């Protein structure tokens, strides 16, 4: 390999400026599927049921409107709570 190519490859893995230390490998971020599974397990434990066929929800606060299309909603009838 030539020197230019090696310098280019070495520069691509720097986290900061010229004087920073090169990192050994790129950090891989975890996906959020574990959080979703944990949430579903907790919702099942407290006894909430999914509400089917919600087309959309509009949240109006002052003159600002936030619209959610096909949201997922859960409800517990015994304690009148929703998630």
PDB file of N, CA and C in Angstrom:
ATOM      1  N   UNK A   1       0.844  -1.182   0.000  1.00  0.00           N
ATOM      2  CA  UNK A   1       0.000   0.000   0.000  1.00  0.00           C
ATOM      3  C   UNK A   1       0.887   1.242   0.000  1.00  0.00           C
ATOM      4  N   UNK A   2       0.397   2.263  -0.599  1.00  0.00           N
ATOM      5  CA  UNK A   2       1.185   3.488  -0.597  1.00  0.00           C
ATOM      6  C   UNK A   2       0.857   4.334   0.631  1.00  0.00           C
ATOM      7  N   UNK A   3       1.703   5.292   0.913  1.00  0.00           N
ATOM      8  CA  UNK A   3       1.593   6.112   2.125  1.00  0.00           C
ATOM      9  C   UNK A   3       0.327   6.966   2.130  1.00  0.00           C
ATOM     10  N   UNK A   4      -0.061   7.494   0.977  1.00  0.00           N
ATOM     11  CA  UNK A   4      -1.265   8.331   0.893  1.00  0.00           C
ATOM     12  C   UNK A   4      -2.511   7.556   1.303  1.00  0.00           C
ATOM     13  N   UNK A   5      -2.621   6.349   0.793  1.00  0.00           N
ATOM     14  CA  UNK A   5      -3.795   5.525   1.099  1.00  0.00           C
ATOM     15  C   UNK A   5      -3.840   5.186   2.589  1.00  0.00           C
ATOM     16  N   UNK A   6      -2.690   4.875   3.180  1.00  0.00           N
ATOM     17  CA  UNK A   6      -2.641   4.567   4.608  1.00  0.00           C
ATOM     18  C   UNK A   6      -3.019   5.782   5.450  1.00  0.00           C
ATOM     19  N   UNK A   7      -2.544   6.954   5.086  1.00  0.00           N
ATOM     20  CA  UNK A   7      -2.879   8.166   5.832  1.00  0.00           C
ATOM     21  C   UNK A   7      -4.365   8.491   5.719  1.00  0.00           C
ATOM     22  N   UNK A   8      -4.926   8.244   4.550  1.00  0.00           N
ATOM     23  CA  UNK A   8      -6.357   8.493   4.345  1.00  0.00           C
ATOM     24  C   UNK A   8      -7.189   7.547   5.211  1.00  0.00           C
ATOM     25  N   UNK A   9      -6.793   6.273   5.257  1.00  0.00           N
ATOM     26  CA  UNK A   9      -7.514   5.293   6.081  1.00  0.00           C
ATOM     27  C   UNK A   9      -7.370   5.628   7.567  1.00  0.00           C
ATOM     28  N   UNK A  10      -6.195   6.056   7.992  1.00  0.00           N
ATOM     29  CA  UNK A  10      -5.969   6.399   9.395  1.00  0.00           C
ATOM     30  C   UNK A  10      -6.758   7.641   9.781  1.00  0.00           C
ATOM     31  N   UNK A  11      -6.881   8.587   8.880  1.00  0.00           N
ATOM     32  CA  UNK A  11      -7.625   9.812   9.166  1.00  0.00           C
ATOM     33  C   UNK A  11      -9.119   9.585   9.244  1.00  0.00           C
ATOM     34  N   UNK A  12      -9.614   8.545   8.604  1.00  0.00           N
ATOM     35  CA  UNK A  12     -11.052   8.279   8.578  1.00  0.00           C
ATOM     36  C   UNK A  12     -11.576   7.770   9.913  1.00  0.00           C
ATOM     37  N   UNK A  13     -10.706   7.227  10.760  1.00  0.00           N
ATOM     38  CA  UNK A  13     -11.174   6.655  12.022  1.00  0.00           C
ATOM     39  C   UNK A  13     -10.891   7.548  13.223  1.00  0.00           C
ATOM     40  N   UNK A  14     -10.487   8.764  13.008  1.00  0.00           N
ATOM     41  CA  UNK A  14     -10.233   9.687  14.120  1.00  0.00           C
ATOM     42  C   UNK A  14     -11.551  10.209  14.673  1.00  0.00           C
ATOM     43  N   UNK A  15     -11.623  10.315  16.012  1.00  0.00           N
ATOM     44  CA  UNK A  15     -12.843  10.812  16.642  1.00  0.00           C
ATOM     45  C   UNK A  15     -12.832  12.317  16.814  1.00  0.00           C
ATOM     46  N   UNK A  16     -11.653  12.920  16.878  1.00  0.00           N
ATOM     47  CA  UNK A  16     -11.557  14.359  17.106  1.00  0.00           C
ATOM     48  C   UNK A  16     -10.748  15.024  16.017  1.00  0.00           C
ATOM     49  N   UNK A  17      -9.824  15.873  16.413  1.00  0.00           N
ATOM     50  CA  UNK A  17      -8.996  16.597  15.460  1.00  0.00           C
ATOM     51  C   UNK A  17      -7.719  15.850  15.132  1.00  0.00           C
ATOM     52  N   UNK A  18      -6.681  16.628  14.736  1.00  0.00           N
ATOM     53  CA  UNK A  18      -5.420  16.029  14.317  1.00  0.00           C
ATOM     54  C   UNK A  18      -4.667  15.353  15.462  1.00  0.00           C
ATOM     55  N   UNK A  19      -4.768  15.897  16.658  1.00  0.00           N
ATOM     56  CA  UNK A  19      -3.962  15.392  17.769  1.00  0.00           C
ATOM     57  C   UNK A  19      -4.690  14.352  18.613  1.00  0.00           C
ATOM     58  N   UNK A  20      -5.868  13.945  18.224  1.00  0.00           N
ATOM     59  CA  UNK A  20      -6.613  12.974  19.030  1.00  0.00           C
ATOM     60  C   UNK A  20      -6.139  11.554  18.740  1.00  0.00           C
ATOM     61  N   UNK A  21      -6.453  10.666  19.646  1.00  0.00           N
ATOM     62  CA  UNK A  21      -6.056   9.272  19.528  1.00  0.00           C
ATOM     63  C   UNK A  21      -7.038   8.549  18.618  1.00  0.00           C
ATOM     64  N   UNK A  22      -6.507   7.653  17.781  1.00  0.00           N
ATOM     65  CA  UNK A  22      -7.383   6.875  16.914  1.00  0.00           C
ATOM     66  C   UNK A  22      -8.116   5.831  17.737  1.00  0.00           C
ATOM     67  N   UNK A  23      -9.334   5.578  17.375  1.00  0.00           N
ATOM     68  CA  UNK A  23     -10.081   4.538  18.074  1.00  0.00           C
ATOM     69  C   UNK A  23      -9.805   3.189  17.421  1.00  0.00           C
ATOM     70  N   UNK A  24      -9.930   2.137  18.199  1.00  0.00           N
ATOM     71  CA  UNK A  24      -9.609   0.800  17.714  1.00  0.00           C
ATOM     72  C   UNK A  24     -10.679   0.256  16.778  1.00  0.00           C
ATOM     73  N   UNK A  25     -11.940   0.487  17.132  1.00  0.00           N
ATOM     74  CA  UNK A  25     -13.030   0.009  16.284  1.00  0.00           C
ATOM     75  C   UNK A  25     -14.210   0.957  16.410  1.00  0.00           C
ATOM     76  N   UNK A  26     -15.086   0.914  15.451  1.00  0.00           N
ATOM     77  CA  UNK A  26     -16.250   1.791  15.437  1.00  0.00           C
ATOM     78  C   UNK A  26     -17.274   1.292  16.448  1.00  0.00           C
ATOM     79  N   UNK A  27     -17.833   2.207  17.236  1.00  0.00           N
ATOM     80  CA  UNK A  27     -18.834   1.843  18.237  1.00  0.00           C
ATOM     81  C   UNK A  27     -20.149   1.526  17.542  1.00  0.00           C
ATOM     82  N   UNK A  28     -20.742   0.396  17.871  1.00  0.00           N
ATOM     83  CA  UNK A  28     -22.006  -0.019  17.282  1.00  0.00           C
ATOM     84  C   UNK A  28     -23.099   0.220  18.312  1.00  0.00           C
ATOM     85  N   UNK A  29     -24.122   0.980  17.928  1.00  0.00           N
ATOM     86  CA  UNK A  29     -25.212   1.291  18.836  1.00  0.00           C
ATOM     87  C   UNK A  29     -26.213   0.143  18.877  1.00  0.00           C
ATOM     88  N   UNK A  30     -26.741  -0.121  20.073  1.00  0.00           N
ATOM     89  CA  UNK A  30     -27.739  -1.172  20.227  1.00  0.00           C
ATOM     90  C   UNK A  30     -29.081  -0.695  19.691  1.00  0.00           C
ATOM     91  N   UNK A  31     -29.856  -1.626  19.180  1.00  0.00           N
ATOM     92  CA  UNK A  31     -31.194  -1.280  18.720  1.00  0.00           C
ATOM     93  C   UNK A  31     -32.130  -1.199  19.916  1.00  0.00           C
ATOM     94  N   UNK A  32     -33.284  -0.590  19.728  1.00  0.00           N
ATOM     95  CA  UNK A  32     -34.222  -0.383  20.830  1.00  0.00           C
ATOM     96  C   UNK A  32     -35.252  -1.501  20.930  1.00  0.00           C
ATOM     97  N   UNK A  33     -35.016  -2.630  20.289  1.00  0.00           N
ATOM     98  CA  UNK A  33     -35.992  -3.714  20.359  1.00  0.00           C
ATOM     99  C   UNK A  33     -36.101  -4.273  21.768  1.00  0.00           C
ATOM    100  N   UNK A  34     -35.014  -4.262  22.529  1.00  0.00           N
ATOM    101  CA  UNK A  34     -35.078  -4.780  23.895  1.00  0.00           C
ATOM    102  C   UNK A  34     -35.963  -3.892  24.760  1.00  0.00           C
ATOM    103  N   UNK A  35     -35.904  -2.564  24.538  1.00  0.00           N
ATOM    104  CA  UNK A  35     -36.761  -1.652  25.295  1.00  0.00           C
ATOM    105  C   UNK A  35     -38.227  -1.896  24.975  1.00  0.00           C
ATOM    106  N   UNK A  36     -38.529  -2.140  23.701  1.00  0.00           N
ATOM    107  CA  UNK A  36     -39.908  -2.389  23.294  1.00  0.00           C
ATOM    108  C   UNK A  36     -40.423  -3.693  23.903  1.00  0.00           C
ATOM    109  N   UNK A  37     -39.587  -4.721  23.909  1.00  0.00           N
ATOM    110  CA  UNK A  37     -39.991  -5.997  24.506  1.00  0.00           C
ATOM    111  C   UNK A  37     -40.224  -5.841  26.007  1.00  0.00           C
ATOM    112  N   UNK A  38     -39.357  -5.082  26.673  1.00  0.00           N
ATOM    113  CA  UNK A  38     -39.501  -4.854  28.110  1.00  0.00           C
ATOM    114  C   UNK A  38     -40.796  -4.100  28.408  1.00  0.00           C
ATOM    115  N   UNK A  39     -41.120  -3.104  27.581  1.00  0.00           N
ATOM    116  CA  UNK A  39     -42.353  -2.347  27.757  1.00  0.00           C
ATOM    117  C   UNK A  39     -43.573  -3.239  27.560  1.00  0.00           C
ATOM    118  N   UNK A  40     -43.568  -4.069  26.521  1.00  0.00           N
ATOM    119  CA  UNK A  40     -44.694  -4.963  26.272  1.00  0.00           C
ATOM    120  C   UNK A  40     -44.874  -5.961  27.415  1.00  0.00           C
ATOM    121  N   UNK A  41     -43.767  -6.453  27.961  1.00  0.00           N
ATOM    122  CA  UNK A  41     -43.837  -7.397  29.080  1.00  0.00           C
ATOM    123  C   UNK A  41     -44.433  -6.719  30.316  1.00  0.00           C
ATOM    124  N   UNK A  42     -44.057  -5.478  30.571  1.00  0.00           N
ATOM    125  CA  UNK A  42     -44.586  -4.736  31.713  1.00  0.00           C
ATOM    126  C   UNK A  42     -46.067  -4.443  31.533  1.00  0.00           C
ATOM    127  N   UNK A  43     -46.465  -4.050  30.328  1.00  0.00           N
ATOM    128  CA  UNK A  43     -47.881  -3.780  30.060  1.00  0.00           C
ATOM    129  C   UNK A  43     -48.725  -5.035  30.231  1.00  0.00           C
ATOM    130  N   UNK A  44     -48.189  -6.166  29.817  1.00  0.00           N
ATOM    131  CA  UNK A  44     -48.921  -7.425  29.977  1.00  0.00           C
ATOM    132  C   UNK A  44     -49.074  -7.764  31.459  1.00  0.00           C
ATOM    133  N   UNK A  45     -48.034  -7.487  32.246  1.00  0.00           N
ATOM    134  CA  UNK A  45     -48.073  -7.805  33.671  1.00  0.00           C
ATOM    135  C   UNK A  45     -49.108  -6.964  34.412  1.00  0.00           C
ATOM    136  N   UNK A  46     -49.270  -5.696  34.045  1.00  0.00           N
ATOM    137  CA  UNK A  46     -50.254  -4.861  34.738  1.00  0.00           C
ATOM    138  C   UNK A  46     -51.656  -5.021  34.168  1.00  0.00           C
ATOM    139  N   UNK A  47     -51.789  -5.806  33.115  1.00  0.00           N
ATOM    140  CA  UNK A  47     -53.116  -6.182  32.631  1.00  0.00           C
ATOM    141  C   UNK A  47     -53.800  -5.191  31.718  1.00  0.00           C
ATOM    142  N   UNK A  48     -53.067  -4.562  30.827  1.00  0.00           N
ATOM    143  CA  UNK A  48     -53.710  -3.660  29.873  1.00  0.00           C
ATOM    144  C   UNK A  48     -53.993  -4.404  28.575  1.00  0.00           C
ATOM    145  N   UNK A  49     -55.044  -3.981  27.893  1.00  0.00           N
ATOM    146  CA  UNK A  49     -55.432  -4.587  26.626  1.00  0.00           C
ATOM    147  C   UNK A  49     -55.294  -3.561  25.515  1.00  0.00           C
ATOM    148  N   UNK A  50     -54.890  -4.019  24.338  1.00  0.00           N
ATOM    149  CA  UNK A  50     -54.724  -3.128  23.192  1.00  0.00           C
ATOM    150  C   UNK A  50     -56.079  -2.669  22.683  1.00  0.00           C
ATOM    151  N   UNK A  51     -56.146  -1.415  22.270  1.00  0.00           N
ATOM    152  CA  UNK A  51     -57.364  -0.863  21.681  1.00  0.00           C
ATOM    153  C   UNK A  51     -57.195  -0.938  20.165  1.00  0.00           C
ATOM    154  N   UNK A  52     -58.004  -1.752  19.483  1.00  0.00           N
ATOM    155  CA  UNK A  52     -57.835  -1.887  18.034  1.00  0.00           C
ATOM    156  C   UNK A  52     -58.512  -0.755  17.269  1.00  0.00           C
ATOM    157  N   UNK A  53     -58.107  -0.576  16.034  1.00  0.00           N
ATOM    158  CA  UNK A  53     -58.747   0.299  15.046  1.00  0.00           C
ATOM    159  C   UNK A  53     -58.810   1.763  15.462  1.00  0.00           C
ATOM    160  N   UNK A  54     -57.698   2.324  15.908  1.00  0.00           N
ATOM    161  CA  UNK A  54     -57.627   3.767  16.131  1.00  0.00           C
ATOM    162  C   UNK A  54     -57.035   4.364  14.853  1.00  0.00           C
ATOM    163  N   UNK A  55     -57.821   5.180  14.160  1.00  0.00           N
ATOM    164  CA  UNK A  55     -57.362   5.746  12.891  1.00  0.00           C
ATOM    165  C   UNK A  55     -56.404   6.911  13.094  1.00  0.00           C
ATOM    166  N   UNK A  56     -56.726   7.787  14.031  1.00  0.00           N
ATOM    167  CA  UNK A  56     -55.870   8.944  14.244  1.00  0.00           C
ATOM    168  C   UNK A  56     -56.245   9.676  15.512  1.00  0.00           C
ATOM    169  N   UNK A  57     -55.300  10.432  16.036  1.00  0.00           N
ATOM    170  CA  UNK A  57     -55.515  11.221  17.244  1.00  0.00           C
ATOM    171  C   UNK A  57     -54.975  12.620  16.978  1.00  0.00           C
ATOM    172  N   UNK A  58     -55.749  13.637  17.356  1.00  0.00           N
ATOM    173  CA  UNK A  58     -55.297  15.020  17.238  1.00  0.00           C
ATOM    174  C   UNK A  58     -55.187  15.609  18.636  1.00  0.00           C
ATOM    175  N   UNK A  59     -54.028  16.144  18.946  1.00  0.00           N
ATOM    176  CA  UNK A  59     -53.777  16.797  20.231  1.00  0.00           C
ATOM    177  C   UNK A  59     -53.707  18.294  19.961  1.00  0.00           C
ATOM    178  N   UNK A  60     -54.653  19.048  20.518  1.00  0.00           N
ATOM    179  CA  UNK A  60     -54.729  20.480  20.279  1.00  0.00           C
ATOM    180  C   UNK A  60     -54.354  21.207  21.565  1.00  0.00           C
ATOM    181  N   UNK A  61     -53.351  22.066  21.462  1.00  0.00           N
ATOM    182  CA  UNK A  61     -52.907  22.847  22.607  1.00  0.00           C
ATOM    183  C   UNK A  61     -52.705  24.281  22.127  1.00  0.00           C
ATOM    184  N   UNK A  62     -53.630  25.138  22.497  1.00  0.00           N
ATOM    185  CA  UNK A  62     -53.582  26.516  22.010  1.00  0.00           C
ATOM    186  C   UNK A  62     -53.860  26.540  20.512  1.00  0.00           C
ATOM    187  N   UNK A  63     -52.914  27.043  19.740  1.00  0.00           N
ATOM    188  CA  UNK A  63     -53.075  27.052  18.287  1.00  0.00           C
ATOM    189  C   UNK A  63     -52.157  26.035  17.621  1.00  0.00           C
ATOM    190  N   UNK A  64     -51.601  25.107  18.401  1.00  0.00           N
ATOM    191  CA  UNK A  64     -50.723  24.066  17.870  1.00  0.00           C
ATOM    192  C   UNK A  64     -51.486  22.749  17.833  1.00  0.00           C
ATOM    193  N   UNK A  65     -51.477  22.086  16.671  1.00  0.00           N
ATOM    194  CA  UNK A  65     -52.158  20.805  16.503  1.00  0.00           C
ATOM    195  C   UNK A  65     -51.111  19.747  16.186  1.00  0.00           C
ATOM    196  N   UNK A  66     -51.088  18.679  16.983  1.00  0.00           N
ATOM    197  CA  UNK A  66     -50.202  17.547  16.741  1.00  0.00           C
ATOM    198  C   UNK A  66     -51.083  16.364  16.380  1.00  0.00           C
ATOM    199  N   UNK A  67     -50.824  15.764  15.216  1.00  0.00           N
ATOM    200  CA  UNK A  67     -51.661  14.663  14.744  1.00  0.00           C
ATOM    201  C   UNK A  67     -50.843  13.376  14.706  1.00  0.00           C
ATOM    202  N   UNK A  68     -51.398  12.319  15.310  1.00  0.00           N
ATOM    203  CA  UNK A  68     -50.798  10.989  15.294  1.00  0.00           C
ATOM    204  C   UNK A  68     -51.658  10.104  14.405  1.00  0.00           C
ATOM    205  N   UNK A  69     -51.059   9.450  13.416  1.00  0.00           N
ATOM    206  CA  UNK A  69     -51.795   8.578  12.506  1.00  0.00           C
ATOM    207  C   UNK A  69     -51.528   7.132  12.910  1.00  0.00           C
ATOM    208  N   UNK A  70     -52.585   6.357  13.075  1.00  0.00           N
ATOM    209  CA  UNK A  70     -52.544   4.947  13.492  1.00  0.00           C
ATOM    210  C   UNK A  70     -51.707   4.728  14.756  1.00  0.00           C
ATOM    211  N   UNK A  71     -52.043   5.393  15.866  1.00  0.00           N
ATOM    212  CA  UNK A  71     -51.278   5.185  17.096  1.00  0.00           C
ATOM    213  C   UNK A  71     -51.668   3.865  17.759  1.00  0.00           C
ATOM    214  N   UNK A  72     -50.779   3.361  18.588  1.00  0.00           N
ATOM    215  CA  UNK A  72     -51.080   2.169  19.374  1.00  0.00           C
ATOM    216  C   UNK A  72     -51.533   2.637  20.746  1.00  0.00           C
ATOM    217  N   UNK A  73     -52.629   2.091  21.220  1.00  0.00           N
ATOM    218  CA  UNK A  73     -53.131   2.475  22.525  1.00  0.00           C
ATOM    219  C   UNK A  73     -53.504   1.259  23.348  1.00  0.00           C
ATOM    220  N   UNK A  74     -53.250   1.313  24.647  1.00  0.00           N
ATOM    221  CA  UNK A  74     -53.594   0.239  25.573  1.00  0.00           C
ATOM    222  C   UNK A  74     -54.432   0.827  26.696  1.00  0.00           C
ATOM    223  N   UNK A  75     -55.334   0.006  27.228  1.00  0.00           N
ATOM    224  CA  UNK A  75     -56.284   0.485  28.222  1.00  0.00           C
ATOM    225  C   UNK A  75     -56.511  -0.588  29.268  1.00  0.00           C
ATOM    226  N   UNK A  76     -56.633  -0.188  30.528  1.00  0.00           N
ATOM    227  CA  UNK A  76     -56.968  -1.097  31.610  1.00  0.00           C
ATOM    228  C   UNK A  76     -58.309  -0.642  32.174  1.00  0.00           C
ATOM    229  N   UNK A  77     -59.331  -1.452  31.998  1.00  0.00           N
ATOM    230  CA  UNK A  77     -60.685  -1.083  32.376  1.00  0.00           C
ATOM    231  C   UNK A  77     -60.870  -1.026  33.890  1.00  0.00           C
ATOM    232  N   UNK A  78     -60.182  -1.879  34.635  1.00  0.00           N
ATOM    233  CA  UNK A  78     -60.406  -1.935  36.083  1.00  0.00           C
ATOM    234  C   UNK A  78     -59.923  -0.677  36.798  1.00  0.00           C
ATOM    235  N   UNK A  79     -58.847  -0.082  36.346  1.00  0.00           N
ATOM    236  CA  UNK A  79     -58.335   1.122  37.000  1.00  0.00           C
ATOM    237  C   UNK A  79     -58.554   2.374  36.153  1.00  0.00           C
ATOM    238  N   UNK A  80     -59.215   2.225  35.025  1.00  0.00           N
ATOM    239  CA  UNK A  80     -59.491   3.315  34.085  1.00  0.00           C
ATOM    240  C   UNK A  80     -58.212   4.061  33.702  1.00  0.00           C
ATOM    241  N   UNK A  81     -57.192   3.301  33.363  1.00  0.00           N
ATOM    242  CA  UNK A  81     -55.923   3.895  32.949  1.00  0.00           C
ATOM    243  C   UNK A  81     -55.603   3.530  31.518  1.00  0.00           C
ATOM    244  N   UNK A  82     -54.917   4.421  30.839  1.00  0.00           N
ATOM    245  CA  UNK A  82     -54.531   4.142  29.462  1.00  0.00           C
ATOM    246  C   UNK A  82     -53.058   4.457  29.254  1.00  0.00           C
ATOM    247  N   UNK A  83     -52.472   3.795  28.251  1.00  0.00           N
ATOM    248  CA  UNK A  83     -51.059   3.978  27.917  1.00  0.00           C
ATOM    249  C   UNK A  83     -50.966   4.331  26.450  1.00  0.00           C
TER     250      UNK A  83
END
